Amino acid sequence: MVAITGTSGSGKSTLLNILSCLDAPTSGSYYFKDTCINELSSEALGSFRTLHFSHIFQSYWLIPHLSIMDNIVLPQYYQGRSLTKSEEDAHSIAKQLDISQHLDKKPKQLSGGQQQRACIARALMSQTPVIFADEPTGALDQENSHAIMNIFKQLNQQQGKTIVIVTHDHEMANYCRLIHPVTSLFEPEAQND
């Protein structure tokens, strides 16, 4: 469980997008386990992301014409899981995130914090080994922020999920095992004379 911290505009989200294969690096090679990401076709990259990565986006990216339930179960549809089992899992996760009463609503009918929790539920439904989260508690109040971070901590410790969080909130970053300031990731290597 890693927090990537830094000031606004320092490249935190760009780094997260490269790590999660949403953006490609302009140079170098990126390996995930034994796979060279740079060598994957667009189609192979999409399948790779579906199997390995979940995303919690700062701007939610919920599909506006789908219900919250449909948004949450969407990853399991792409992973070929049964709709009945997916909906059972969605009800359980929605209850844990206190949005079960909103499952039949459309995203625009929810507050920002409720949409964020729906986005988190969608990521938890995908059952991937890695979750990338861009400011996952940014739209939440303090109580809900701590509840979400405790869920992440539990997923990390009990299920072995890798969780990479971009945040500028040091209190939320302290939930993580490792805190890495993004500025040190982009500093040029020291020149040896």
N, C-alpha and C. Protein backbone atom coordinates (compact mmCIF):
# COMPACT_ATOMS: atom_id res chain seq x y z
N MET A 1 0.87 -1.17 0.00
CA MET A 1 0.00 0.00 0.00
C MET A 1 0.90 1.22 0.00
N VAL A 2 0.86 1.96 -1.10
CA VAL A 2 1.80 3.07 -1.33
C VAL A 2 1.03 4.36 -1.57
N ALA A 3 1.48 5.43 -0.94
CA ALA A 3 0.93 6.76 -1.22
C ALA A 3 1.95 7.54 -2.04
N ILE A 4 1.49 8.13 -3.12
CA ILE A 4 2.32 9.03 -3.91
C ILE A 4 1.82 10.43 -3.59
N THR A 5 2.71 11.24 -3.01
CA THR A 5 2.31 12.58 -2.57
C THR A 5 3.07 13.62 -3.37
N GLY A 6 2.61 14.84 -3.25
CA GLY A 6 3.27 15.95 -3.92
C GLY A 6 2.28 17.08 -4.13
N THR A 7 2.81 18.20 -4.54
CA THR A 7 1.98 19.37 -4.74
C THR A 7 1.19 19.23 -6.04
N SER A 8 0.18 20.06 -6.19
CA SER A 8 -0.64 20.07 -7.39
C SER A 8 0.25 20.39 -8.60
N GLY A 9 0.10 19.62 -9.67
CA GLY A 9 0.87 19.86 -10.88
C GLY A 9 2.25 19.22 -10.89
N SER A 10 2.57 18.44 -9.88
CA SER A 10 3.91 17.85 -9.80
C SER A 10 4.05 16.55 -10.59
N GLY A 11 2.95 16.03 -11.12
CA GLY A 11 3.02 14.82 -11.93
C GLY A 11 2.49 13.56 -11.28
N LYS A 12 1.80 13.71 -10.14
CA LYS A 12 1.27 12.53 -9.42
C LYS A 12 0.30 11.73 -10.29
N SER A 13 -0.67 12.42 -10.87
CA SER A 13 -1.68 11.73 -11.68
C SER A 13 -1.07 11.18 -12.96
N THR A 14 -0.13 11.89 -13.55
CA THR A 14 0.56 11.39 -14.75
C THR A 14 1.29 10.10 -14.43
N LEU A 15 2.00 10.08 -13.32
CA LEU A 15 2.70 8.87 -12.91
C LEU A 15 1.70 7.73 -12.70
N LEU A 16 0.61 8.01 -12.02
CA LEU A 16 -0.41 6.98 -11.78
C LEU A 16 -0.97 6.45 -13.10
N ASN A 17 -1.22 7.34 -14.06
CA ASN A 17 -1.76 6.92 -15.35
C ASN A 17 -0.77 6.06 -16.13
N ILE A 18 0.52 6.34 -16.00
CA ILE A 18 1.53 5.51 -16.66
C ILE A 18 1.60 4.15 -15.97
N LEU A 19 1.64 4.14 -14.65
CA LEU A 19 1.71 2.87 -13.92
C LEU A 19 0.50 1.99 -14.20
N SER A 20 -0.67 2.60 -14.36
CA SER A 20 -1.90 1.83 -14.56
C SER A 20 -2.20 1.60 -16.04
N CYS A 21 -1.26 1.95 -16.90
CA CYS A 21 -1.37 1.70 -18.35
C CYS A 21 -2.48 2.49 -19.03
N LEU A 22 -2.88 3.61 -18.47
CA LEU A 22 -3.83 4.49 -19.14
C LEU A 22 -3.10 5.44 -20.08
N ASP A 23 -1.86 5.78 -19.75
CA ASP A 23 -0.98 6.59 -20.60
C ASP A 23 0.30 5.82 -20.84
N ALA A 24 0.96 6.13 -21.94
CA ALA A 24 2.23 5.48 -22.26
C ALA A 24 3.37 6.42 -21.92
N PRO A 25 4.48 5.89 -21.44
CA PRO A 25 5.64 6.76 -21.18
C PRO A 25 6.22 7.25 -22.51
N THR A 26 6.83 8.42 -22.49
CA THR A 26 7.43 8.96 -23.72
C THR A 26 8.77 8.31 -24.03
N SER A 27 9.38 7.68 -23.03
CA SER A 27 10.64 6.97 -23.27
C SER A 27 10.79 5.88 -22.21
N GLY A 28 11.72 4.99 -22.46
CA GLY A 28 11.98 3.91 -21.52
C GLY A 28 11.03 2.75 -21.71
N SER A 29 11.17 1.75 -20.88
CA SER A 29 10.32 0.56 -20.93
C SER A 29 9.65 0.36 -19.58
N TYR A 30 8.45 -0.16 -19.63
CA TYR A 30 7.68 -0.42 -18.41
C TYR A 30 7.33 -1.90 -18.39
N TYR A 31 7.79 -2.58 -17.33
CA TYR A 31 7.49 -3.99 -17.14
C TYR A 31 6.58 -4.17 -15.94
N PHE A 32 5.56 -4.98 -16.10
CA PHE A 32 4.72 -5.40 -14.99
C PHE A 32 4.88 -6.91 -14.91
N LYS A 33 5.47 -7.37 -13.80
CA LYS A 33 5.88 -8.76 -13.68
C LYS A 33 6.81 -9.06 -14.87
N ASP A 34 6.48 -10.00 -15.73
CA ASP A 34 7.35 -10.33 -16.85
C ASP A 34 6.86 -9.75 -18.17
N THR A 35 5.86 -8.89 -18.12
CA THR A 35 5.27 -8.35 -19.34
C THR A 35 5.82 -6.96 -19.63
N CYS A 36 6.35 -6.78 -20.84
CA CYS A 36 6.77 -5.45 -21.28
C CYS A 36 5.53 -4.73 -21.82
N ILE A 37 5.04 -3.78 -21.07
CA ILE A 37 3.82 -3.07 -21.41
C ILE A 37 3.96 -2.36 -22.76
N ASN A 38 5.13 -1.82 -23.05
CA ASN A 38 5.35 -1.07 -24.29
C ASN A 38 5.12 -1.92 -25.53
N GLU A 39 5.23 -3.23 -25.41
CA GLU A 39 5.13 -4.12 -26.57
C GLU A 39 3.71 -4.63 -26.81
N LEU A 40 2.77 -4.30 -25.94
CA LEU A 40 1.40 -4.81 -26.08
C LEU A 40 0.62 -3.98 -27.11
N SER A 41 -0.19 -4.65 -27.91
CA SER A 41 -1.10 -3.94 -28.83
C SER A 41 -2.19 -3.27 -27.99
N SER A 42 -2.95 -2.38 -28.60
CA SER A 42 -4.04 -1.70 -27.89
C SER A 42 -5.04 -2.71 -27.32
N GLU A 43 -5.39 -3.72 -28.12
CA GLU A 43 -6.34 -4.74 -27.67
C GLU A 43 -5.76 -5.55 -26.52
N ALA A 44 -4.51 -5.96 -26.64
CA ALA A 44 -3.86 -6.74 -25.58
C ALA A 44 -3.73 -5.91 -24.31
N LEU A 45 -3.45 -4.62 -24.47
CA LEU A 45 -3.31 -3.73 -23.32
C LEU A 45 -4.64 -3.60 -22.58
N GLY A 46 -5.75 -3.49 -23.32
CA GLY A 46 -7.07 -3.43 -22.69
C GLY A 46 -7.36 -4.67 -21.87
N SER A 47 -7.07 -5.84 -22.43
CA SER A 47 -7.28 -7.10 -21.71
C SER A 47 -6.38 -7.19 -20.49
N PHE A 48 -5.14 -6.74 -20.65
CA PHE A 48 -4.16 -6.76 -19.55
C PHE A 48 -4.66 -5.91 -18.38
N ARG A 49 -5.13 -4.69 -18.69
CA ARG A 49 -5.65 -3.81 -17.64
C ARG A 49 -6.84 -4.44 -16.93
N THR A 50 -7.75 -5.04 -17.69
CA THR A 50 -8.95 -5.65 -17.11
C THR A 50 -8.59 -6.75 -16.11
N LEU A 51 -7.55 -7.52 -16.43
CA LEU A 51 -7.16 -8.63 -15.56
C LEU A 51 -6.36 -8.20 -14.33
N HIS A 52 -5.61 -7.11 -14.46
CA HIS A 52 -4.65 -6.77 -13.42
C HIS A 52 -4.97 -5.51 -12.62
N PHE A 53 -5.64 -4.52 -13.21
CA PHE A 53 -5.76 -3.21 -12.58
C PHE A 53 -7.20 -2.76 -12.42
N SER A 54 -7.47 -2.13 -11.28
CA SER A 54 -8.72 -1.39 -11.05
C SER A 54 -8.35 0.07 -10.88
N HIS A 55 -9.28 0.95 -11.22
CA HIS A 55 -9.02 2.38 -11.15
C HIS A 55 -10.10 3.09 -10.35
N ILE A 56 -9.66 3.99 -9.50
CA ILE A 56 -10.57 4.90 -8.82
C ILE A 56 -10.15 6.29 -9.28
N PHE A 57 -11.01 6.89 -10.08
CA PHE A 57 -10.67 8.16 -10.73
C PHE A 57 -11.13 9.34 -9.89
N GLN A 58 -10.34 10.40 -9.95
CA GLN A 58 -10.67 11.62 -9.22
C GLN A 58 -11.97 12.22 -9.74
N SER A 59 -12.24 12.06 -11.04
CA SER A 59 -13.46 12.61 -11.63
C SER A 59 -14.54 11.55 -11.82
N TYR A 60 -14.40 10.43 -11.12
CA TYR A 60 -15.39 9.35 -11.01
C TYR A 60 -15.52 8.48 -12.28
N TRP A 61 -15.78 9.08 -13.44
CA TRP A 61 -15.97 8.36 -14.70
C TRP A 61 -17.06 7.30 -14.60
N LEU A 62 -18.13 7.65 -13.92
CA LEU A 62 -19.32 6.79 -13.93
C LEU A 62 -20.07 7.04 -15.24
N ILE A 63 -20.68 6.00 -15.79
CA ILE A 63 -21.41 6.13 -17.05
C ILE A 63 -22.78 6.73 -16.75
N PRO A 64 -23.05 7.95 -17.27
CA PRO A 64 -24.22 8.71 -16.83
C PRO A 64 -25.58 8.05 -17.08
N HIS A 65 -25.73 7.28 -18.15
CA HIS A 65 -27.04 6.69 -18.46
C HIS A 65 -27.27 5.35 -17.77
N LEU A 66 -26.26 4.83 -17.05
CA LEU A 66 -26.42 3.58 -16.31
C LEU A 66 -26.75 3.87 -14.85
N SER A 67 -27.46 2.96 -14.23
CA SER A 67 -27.72 3.08 -12.78
C SER A 67 -26.41 2.87 -12.03
N ILE A 68 -26.41 3.21 -10.76
CA ILE A 68 -25.23 2.98 -9.93
C ILE A 68 -24.94 1.49 -9.86
N MET A 69 -25.97 0.65 -9.74
CA MET A 69 -25.77 -0.80 -9.74
C MET A 69 -25.06 -1.23 -11.01
N ASP A 70 -25.54 -0.78 -12.16
CA ASP A 70 -24.92 -1.17 -13.43
C ASP A 70 -23.49 -0.68 -13.53
N ASN A 71 -23.21 0.52 -13.04
CA ASN A 71 -21.85 1.04 -13.03
C ASN A 71 -20.94 0.17 -12.17
N ILE A 72 -21.46 -0.27 -11.03
CA ILE A 72 -20.64 -1.06 -10.10
C ILE A 72 -20.34 -2.45 -10.64
N VAL A 73 -21.33 -3.09 -11.28
CA VAL A 73 -21.11 -4.47 -11.76
C VAL A 73 -20.40 -4.54 -13.11
N LEU A 74 -20.21 -3.41 -13.76
CA LEU A 74 -19.61 -3.39 -15.09
C LEU A 74 -18.27 -4.14 -15.19
N PRO A 75 -17.33 -3.96 -14.24
CA PRO A 75 -16.06 -4.70 -14.36
C PRO A 75 -16.25 -6.22 -14.36
N GLN A 76 -17.20 -6.70 -13.58
CA GLN A 76 -17.41 -8.15 -13.54
C GLN A 76 -18.02 -8.65 -14.84
N TYR A 77 -18.80 -7.81 -15.51
CA TYR A 77 -19.33 -8.18 -16.83
C TYR A 77 -18.16 -8.42 -17.79
N TYR A 78 -17.20 -7.49 -17.79
CA TYR A 78 -16.05 -7.63 -18.70
C TYR A 78 -15.15 -8.80 -18.30
N GLN A 79 -15.22 -9.22 -17.06
CA GLN A 79 -14.42 -10.35 -16.61
C GLN A 79 -15.20 -11.66 -16.73
N GLY A 80 -16.41 -11.61 -17.30
CA GLY A 80 -17.17 -12.82 -17.58
C GLY A 80 -17.86 -13.46 -16.39
N ARG A 81 -18.10 -12.70 -15.33
CA ARG A 81 -18.76 -13.28 -14.15
C ARG A 81 -20.28 -13.21 -14.28
N SER A 82 -20.97 -14.06 -13.56
CA SER A 82 -22.43 -14.12 -13.63
C SER A 82 -23.05 -12.85 -13.04
N LEU A 83 -24.15 -12.40 -13.67
CA LEU A 83 -24.84 -11.18 -13.23
C LEU A 83 -25.42 -11.35 -11.83
N THR A 84 -25.99 -12.52 -11.54
CA THR A 84 -26.58 -12.76 -10.22
C THR A 84 -25.54 -12.62 -9.12
N LYS A 85 -24.40 -13.28 -9.29
CA LYS A 85 -23.32 -13.21 -8.30
C LYS A 85 -22.77 -11.79 -8.21
N SER A 86 -22.63 -11.13 -9.38
CA SER A 86 -22.12 -9.75 -9.41
C SER A 86 -23.02 -8.82 -8.62
N GLU A 87 -24.34 -8.96 -8.80
CA GLU A 87 -25.28 -8.10 -8.08
C GLU A 87 -25.27 -8.38 -6.58
N GLU A 88 -25.09 -9.64 -6.19
CA GLU A 88 -24.96 -9.97 -4.76
C GLU A 88 -23.73 -9.27 -4.18
N ASP A 89 -22.61 -9.38 -4.88
CA ASP A 89 -21.37 -8.73 -4.43
C ASP A 89 -21.55 -7.22 -4.37
N ALA A 90 -22.22 -6.66 -5.38
CA ALA A 90 -22.43 -5.21 -5.42
C ALA A 90 -23.26 -4.73 -4.23
N HIS A 91 -24.29 -5.48 -3.88
CA HIS A 91 -25.11 -5.10 -2.71
C HIS A 91 -24.26 -5.10 -1.44
N SER A 92 -23.41 -6.10 -1.30
CA SER A 92 -22.55 -6.20 -0.12
C SER A 92 -21.57 -5.03 -0.04
N ILE A 93 -20.92 -4.73 -1.15
CA ILE A 93 -19.95 -3.62 -1.18
C ILE A 93 -20.66 -2.28 -0.99
N ALA A 94 -21.81 -2.11 -1.65
CA ALA A 94 -22.56 -0.86 -1.52
C ALA A 94 -22.99 -0.61 -0.08
N LYS A 95 -23.38 -1.68 0.62
CA LYS A 95 -23.76 -1.55 2.03
C LYS A 95 -22.55 -1.10 2.86
N GLN A 96 -21.40 -1.72 2.58
CA GLN A 96 -20.17 -1.38 3.30
C GLN A 96 -19.80 0.10 3.08
N LEU A 97 -20.10 0.62 1.88
CA LEU A 97 -19.75 2.00 1.54
C LEU A 97 -20.91 2.97 1.75
N ASP A 98 -22.01 2.49 2.32
CA ASP A 98 -23.19 3.31 2.64
C ASP A 98 -23.80 3.98 1.40
N ILE A 99 -23.92 3.21 0.31
CA ILE A 99 -24.62 3.71 -0.88
C ILE A 99 -25.67 2.72 -1.37
N SER A 100 -26.00 1.73 -0.57
CA SER A 100 -26.95 0.70 -1.02
C SER A 100 -28.33 1.28 -1.35
N GLN A 101 -28.70 2.38 -0.72
CA GLN A 101 -30.00 2.99 -0.98
C GLN A 101 -30.02 3.77 -2.30
N HIS A 102 -28.87 3.85 -2.98
CA HIS A 102 -28.78 4.64 -4.22
C HIS A 102 -28.54 3.78 -5.46
N LEU A 103 -28.60 2.47 -5.35
CA LEU A 103 -28.21 1.59 -6.45
C LEU A 103 -29.07 1.74 -7.70
N ASP A 104 -30.33 2.17 -7.55
CA ASP A 104 -31.19 2.31 -8.72
C ASP A 104 -31.14 3.72 -9.32
N LYS A 105 -30.37 4.61 -8.73
CA LYS A 105 -30.27 5.99 -9.22
C LYS A 105 -29.20 6.12 -10.29
N LYS A 106 -29.26 7.22 -11.03
CA LYS A 106 -28.24 7.56 -12.01
C LYS A 106 -27.17 8.41 -11.31
N PRO A 107 -25.94 8.44 -11.82
CA PRO A 107 -24.86 9.18 -11.16
C PRO A 107 -25.20 10.65 -10.86
N LYS A 108 -25.89 11.34 -11.79
CA LYS A 108 -26.17 12.77 -11.56
C LYS A 108 -27.13 13.02 -10.41
N GLN A 109 -27.78 11.96 -9.93
CA GLN A 109 -28.71 12.08 -8.80
C GLN A 109 -27.99 11.96 -7.45
N LEU A 110 -26.68 11.71 -7.49
CA LEU A 110 -25.90 11.51 -6.26
C LEU A 110 -25.00 12.71 -6.01
N SER A 111 -24.64 12.90 -4.76
CA SER A 111 -23.67 13.94 -4.41
C SER A 111 -22.28 13.50 -4.88
N GLY A 112 -21.32 14.40 -4.85
CA GLY A 112 -19.95 14.07 -5.23
C GLY A 112 -19.37 12.95 -4.38
N GLY A 113 -19.61 13.01 -3.09
CA GLY A 113 -19.10 11.97 -2.19
C GLY A 113 -19.73 10.61 -2.47
N GLN A 114 -21.03 10.60 -2.79
CA GLN A 114 -21.71 9.35 -3.11
C GLN A 114 -21.19 8.78 -4.44
N GLN A 115 -20.95 9.66 -5.41
CA GLN A 115 -20.38 9.21 -6.68
C GLN A 115 -18.98 8.64 -6.47
N GLN A 116 -18.21 9.27 -5.59
CA GLN A 116 -16.87 8.76 -5.31
C GLN A 116 -16.94 7.36 -4.69
N ARG A 117 -17.89 7.16 -3.78
CA ARG A 117 -18.04 5.84 -3.17
C ARG A 117 -18.52 4.80 -4.19
N ALA A 118 -19.34 5.22 -5.16
CA ALA A 118 -19.75 4.31 -6.24
C ALA A 118 -18.54 3.94 -7.10
N CYS A 119 -17.68 4.89 -7.35
CA CYS A 119 -16.45 4.63 -8.11
C CYS A 119 -15.55 3.65 -7.35
N ILE A 120 -15.46 3.82 -6.05
CA ILE A 120 -14.66 2.91 -5.21
C ILE A 120 -15.29 1.51 -5.23
N ALA A 121 -16.62 1.45 -5.14
CA ALA A 121 -17.30 0.15 -5.19
C ALA A 121 -17.02 -0.57 -6.51
N ARG A 122 -17.05 0.19 -7.61
CA ARG A 122 -16.75 -0.40 -8.92
C ARG A 122 -15.35 -0.99 -8.95
N ALA A 123 -14.39 -0.27 -8.39
CA ALA A 123 -13.01 -0.77 -8.36
C ALA A 123 -12.89 -2.02 -7.50
N LEU A 124 -13.60 -2.05 -6.38
CA LEU A 124 -13.54 -3.21 -5.49
C LEU A 124 -14.20 -4.43 -6.14
N MET A 125 -15.17 -4.21 -7.00
CA MET A 125 -15.87 -5.30 -7.68
C MET A 125 -14.98 -6.02 -8.69
N SER A 126 -14.00 -5.36 -9.23
CA SER A 126 -13.24 -5.95 -10.33
C SER A 126 -12.32 -7.09 -9.89
N GLN A 127 -12.05 -7.17 -8.61
CA GLN A 127 -11.26 -8.28 -8.05
C GLN A 127 -9.89 -8.42 -8.70
N THR A 128 -9.27 -7.32 -9.05
CA THR A 128 -7.92 -7.33 -9.61
C THR A 128 -6.90 -7.28 -8.47
N PRO A 129 -5.65 -7.69 -8.73
CA PRO A 129 -4.65 -7.65 -7.67
C PRO A 129 -4.13 -6.25 -7.34
N VAL A 130 -4.34 -5.27 -8.26
CA VAL A 130 -3.82 -3.92 -8.05
C VAL A 130 -4.93 -2.90 -8.22
N ILE A 131 -5.02 -1.97 -7.26
CA ILE A 131 -5.96 -0.86 -7.34
C ILE A 131 -5.16 0.43 -7.39
N PHE A 132 -5.43 1.25 -8.42
CA PHE A 132 -4.83 2.57 -8.54
C PHE A 132 -5.91 3.59 -8.20
N ALA A 133 -5.61 4.48 -7.25
CA ALA A 133 -6.61 5.44 -6.78
C ALA A 133 -6.07 6.86 -6.83
N ASP A 134 -6.73 7.71 -7.61
CA ASP A 134 -6.33 9.11 -7.76
C ASP A 134 -7.21 9.96 -6.86
N GLU A 135 -6.65 10.41 -5.74
CA GLU A 135 -7.37 11.23 -4.75
C GLU A 135 -8.70 10.56 -4.36
N PRO A 136 -8.67 9.32 -3.87
CA PRO A 136 -9.92 8.59 -3.61
C PRO A 136 -10.78 9.18 -2.51
N THR A 137 -10.19 10.01 -1.65
CA THR A 137 -10.97 10.60 -0.56
C THR A 137 -11.18 12.10 -0.76
N GLY A 138 -10.83 12.60 -1.93
CA GLY A 138 -10.90 14.04 -2.20
C GLY A 138 -12.29 14.64 -2.05
N ALA A 139 -13.34 13.87 -2.39
CA ALA A 139 -14.71 14.39 -2.33
C ALA A 139 -15.46 13.93 -1.09
N LEU A 140 -14.73 13.32 -0.15
CA LEU A 140 -15.39 12.75 1.03
C LEU A 140 -15.11 13.56 2.28
N ASP A 141 -16.04 13.49 3.23
CA ASP A 141 -15.81 14.12 4.52
C ASP A 141 -14.81 13.27 5.31
N GLN A 142 -14.38 13.78 6.45
CA GLN A 142 -13.35 13.13 7.25
C GLN A 142 -13.74 11.72 7.68
N GLU A 143 -14.97 11.55 8.13
CA GLU A 143 -15.41 10.23 8.61
C GLU A 143 -15.38 9.20 7.48
N ASN A 144 -15.93 9.57 6.32
CA ASN A 144 -15.94 8.65 5.19
C ASN A 144 -14.54 8.41 4.63
N SER A 145 -13.69 9.43 4.68
CA SER A 145 -12.31 9.27 4.23
C SER A 145 -11.59 8.21 5.05
N HIS A 146 -11.74 8.27 6.36
CA HIS A 146 -11.10 7.28 7.23
C HIS A 146 -11.70 5.88 6.99
N ALA A 147 -13.01 5.83 6.76
CA ALA A 147 -13.66 4.54 6.50
C ALA A 147 -13.11 3.91 5.21
N ILE A 148 -12.95 4.71 4.17
CA ILE A 148 -12.41 4.21 2.90
C ILE A 148 -10.97 3.76 3.07
N MET A 149 -10.17 4.54 3.77
CA MET A 149 -8.76 4.15 3.96
C MET A 149 -8.65 2.87 4.78
N ASN A 150 -9.54 2.68 5.73
CA ASN A 150 -9.55 1.43 6.50
C ASN A 150 -9.93 0.24 5.62
N ILE A 151 -10.85 0.45 4.69
CA ILE A 151 -11.20 -0.62 3.74
C ILE A 151 -9.98 -0.96 2.89
N PHE A 152 -9.27 0.06 2.39
CA PHE A 152 -8.07 -0.18 1.59
C PHE A 152 -7.03 -0.96 2.41
N LYS A 153 -6.86 -0.53 3.64
CA LYS A 153 -5.87 -1.20 4.51
C LYS A 153 -6.24 -2.67 4.72
N GLN A 154 -7.51 -2.93 4.92
CA GLN A 154 -8.00 -4.30 5.10
C GLN A 154 -7.77 -5.12 3.83
N LEU A 155 -8.07 -4.55 2.66
CA LEU A 155 -7.84 -5.25 1.39
C LEU A 155 -6.36 -5.58 1.21
N ASN A 156 -5.52 -4.64 1.60
CA ASN A 156 -4.08 -4.84 1.47
C ASN A 156 -3.59 -5.93 2.42
N GLN A 157 -4.01 -5.86 3.67
CA GLN A 157 -3.48 -6.79 4.68
C GLN A 157 -4.12 -8.17 4.62
N GLN A 158 -5.41 -8.24 4.35
CA GLN A 158 -6.10 -9.53 4.39
C GLN A 158 -6.20 -10.22 3.04
N GLN A 159 -6.25 -9.45 1.94
CA GLN A 159 -6.38 -10.05 0.62
C GLN A 159 -5.11 -9.90 -0.22
N GLY A 160 -4.14 -9.18 0.30
CA GLY A 160 -2.88 -9.02 -0.41
C GLY A 160 -2.95 -8.13 -1.63
N LYS A 161 -3.96 -7.26 -1.71
CA LYS A 161 -4.06 -6.36 -2.86
C LYS A 161 -3.01 -5.26 -2.75
N THR A 162 -2.42 -4.93 -3.89
CA THR A 162 -1.52 -3.78 -3.97
C THR A 162 -2.38 -2.56 -4.24
N ILE A 163 -2.19 -1.53 -3.44
CA ILE A 163 -2.99 -0.31 -3.60
C ILE A 163 -2.03 0.87 -3.70
N VAL A 164 -2.15 1.60 -4.81
CA VAL A 164 -1.33 2.78 -5.06
C VAL A 164 -2.26 3.99 -5.07
N ILE A 165 -2.01 4.90 -4.14
CA ILE A 165 -2.90 6.04 -3.93
C ILE A 165 -2.14 7.34 -4.19
N VAL A 166 -2.73 8.19 -5.01
CA VAL A 166 -2.22 9.55 -5.18
C VAL A 166 -3.03 10.43 -4.24
N THR A 167 -2.32 11.19 -3.40
CA THR A 167 -3.02 12.08 -2.46
C THR A 167 -2.13 13.24 -2.06
N HIS A 168 -2.75 14.34 -1.74
CA HIS A 168 -2.01 15.45 -1.12
C HIS A 168 -2.38 15.55 0.36
N ASP A 169 -3.24 14.65 0.83
CA ASP A 169 -3.68 14.64 2.22
C ASP A 169 -2.74 13.74 3.03
N HIS A 170 -1.89 14.33 3.82
CA HIS A 170 -0.89 13.57 4.58
C HIS A 170 -1.52 12.64 5.61
N GLU A 171 -2.68 13.02 6.14
CA GLU A 171 -3.36 12.15 7.09
C GLU A 171 -3.79 10.85 6.41
N MET A 172 -4.28 10.95 5.17
CA MET A 172 -4.67 9.74 4.42
C MET A 172 -3.43 8.96 3.99
N ALA A 173 -2.38 9.65 3.61
CA ALA A 173 -1.14 8.99 3.20
C ALA A 173 -0.55 8.15 4.33
N ASN A 174 -0.76 8.58 5.57
CA ASN A 174 -0.21 7.86 6.72
C ASN A 174 -0.83 6.47 6.92
N TYR A 175 -1.92 6.17 6.23
CA TYR A 175 -2.49 4.82 6.27
C TYR A 175 -1.62 3.83 5.49
N CYS A 176 -0.78 4.34 4.61
CA CYS A 176 -0.01 3.50 3.71
C CYS A 176 1.30 3.04 4.35
N ARG A 177 1.81 1.91 3.85
CA ARG A 177 3.08 1.38 4.34
C ARG A 177 4.25 2.23 3.86
N LEU A 178 4.11 2.80 2.66
CA LEU A 178 5.18 3.59 2.06
C LEU A 178 4.59 4.88 1.54
N ILE A 179 5.27 5.98 1.81
CA ILE A 179 4.88 7.28 1.28
C ILE A 179 6.03 7.77 0.41
N HIS A 180 5.72 8.04 -0.85
CA HIS A 180 6.77 8.45 -1.78
C HIS A 180 6.41 9.80 -2.40
N PRO A 181 7.19 10.84 -2.09
CA PRO A 181 6.93 12.14 -2.72
C PRO A 181 7.26 12.08 -4.21
N VAL A 182 6.35 12.55 -5.04
CA VAL A 182 6.52 12.46 -6.49
C VAL A 182 7.72 13.27 -6.98
N THR A 183 8.09 14.33 -6.29
CA THR A 183 9.21 15.14 -6.76
C THR A 183 10.49 14.34 -6.83
N SER A 184 10.70 13.40 -5.91
CA SER A 184 11.92 12.61 -5.94
C SER A 184 11.89 11.59 -7.07
N LEU A 185 10.69 11.26 -7.58
CA LEU A 185 10.60 10.32 -8.69
C LEU A 185 11.02 10.95 -10.01
N PHE A 186 10.87 12.27 -10.13
CA PHE A 186 11.15 12.94 -11.39
C PHE A 186 12.44 13.74 -11.37
N GLU A 187 13.16 13.72 -10.27
CA GLU A 187 14.44 14.45 -10.24
C GLU A 187 15.44 13.76 -11.14
N PRO A 188 16.22 14.51 -11.93
CA PRO A 188 17.23 13.87 -12.77
C PRO A 188 18.29 13.20 -11.91
N GLU A 189 18.84 12.11 -12.45
CA GLU A 189 19.89 11.41 -11.72
C GLU A 189 21.12 12.30 -11.60
N ALA A 190 21.81 12.15 -10.48
CA ALA A 190 23.02 12.95 -10.26
C ALA A 190 24.08 12.58 -11.30
N GLN A 191 24.77 13.55 -11.81
CA GLN A 191 25.83 13.34 -12.80
C GLN A 191 27.12 13.02 -12.09
N ASN A 192 27.78 11.97 -12.49
CA ASN A 192 29.10 11.63 -11.94
C ASN A 192 30.17 12.20 -12.85
N ASP A 193 31.15 12.91 -12.28
CA ASP A 193 32.25 13.48 -13.08
C ASP A 193 33.35 12.48 -13.25
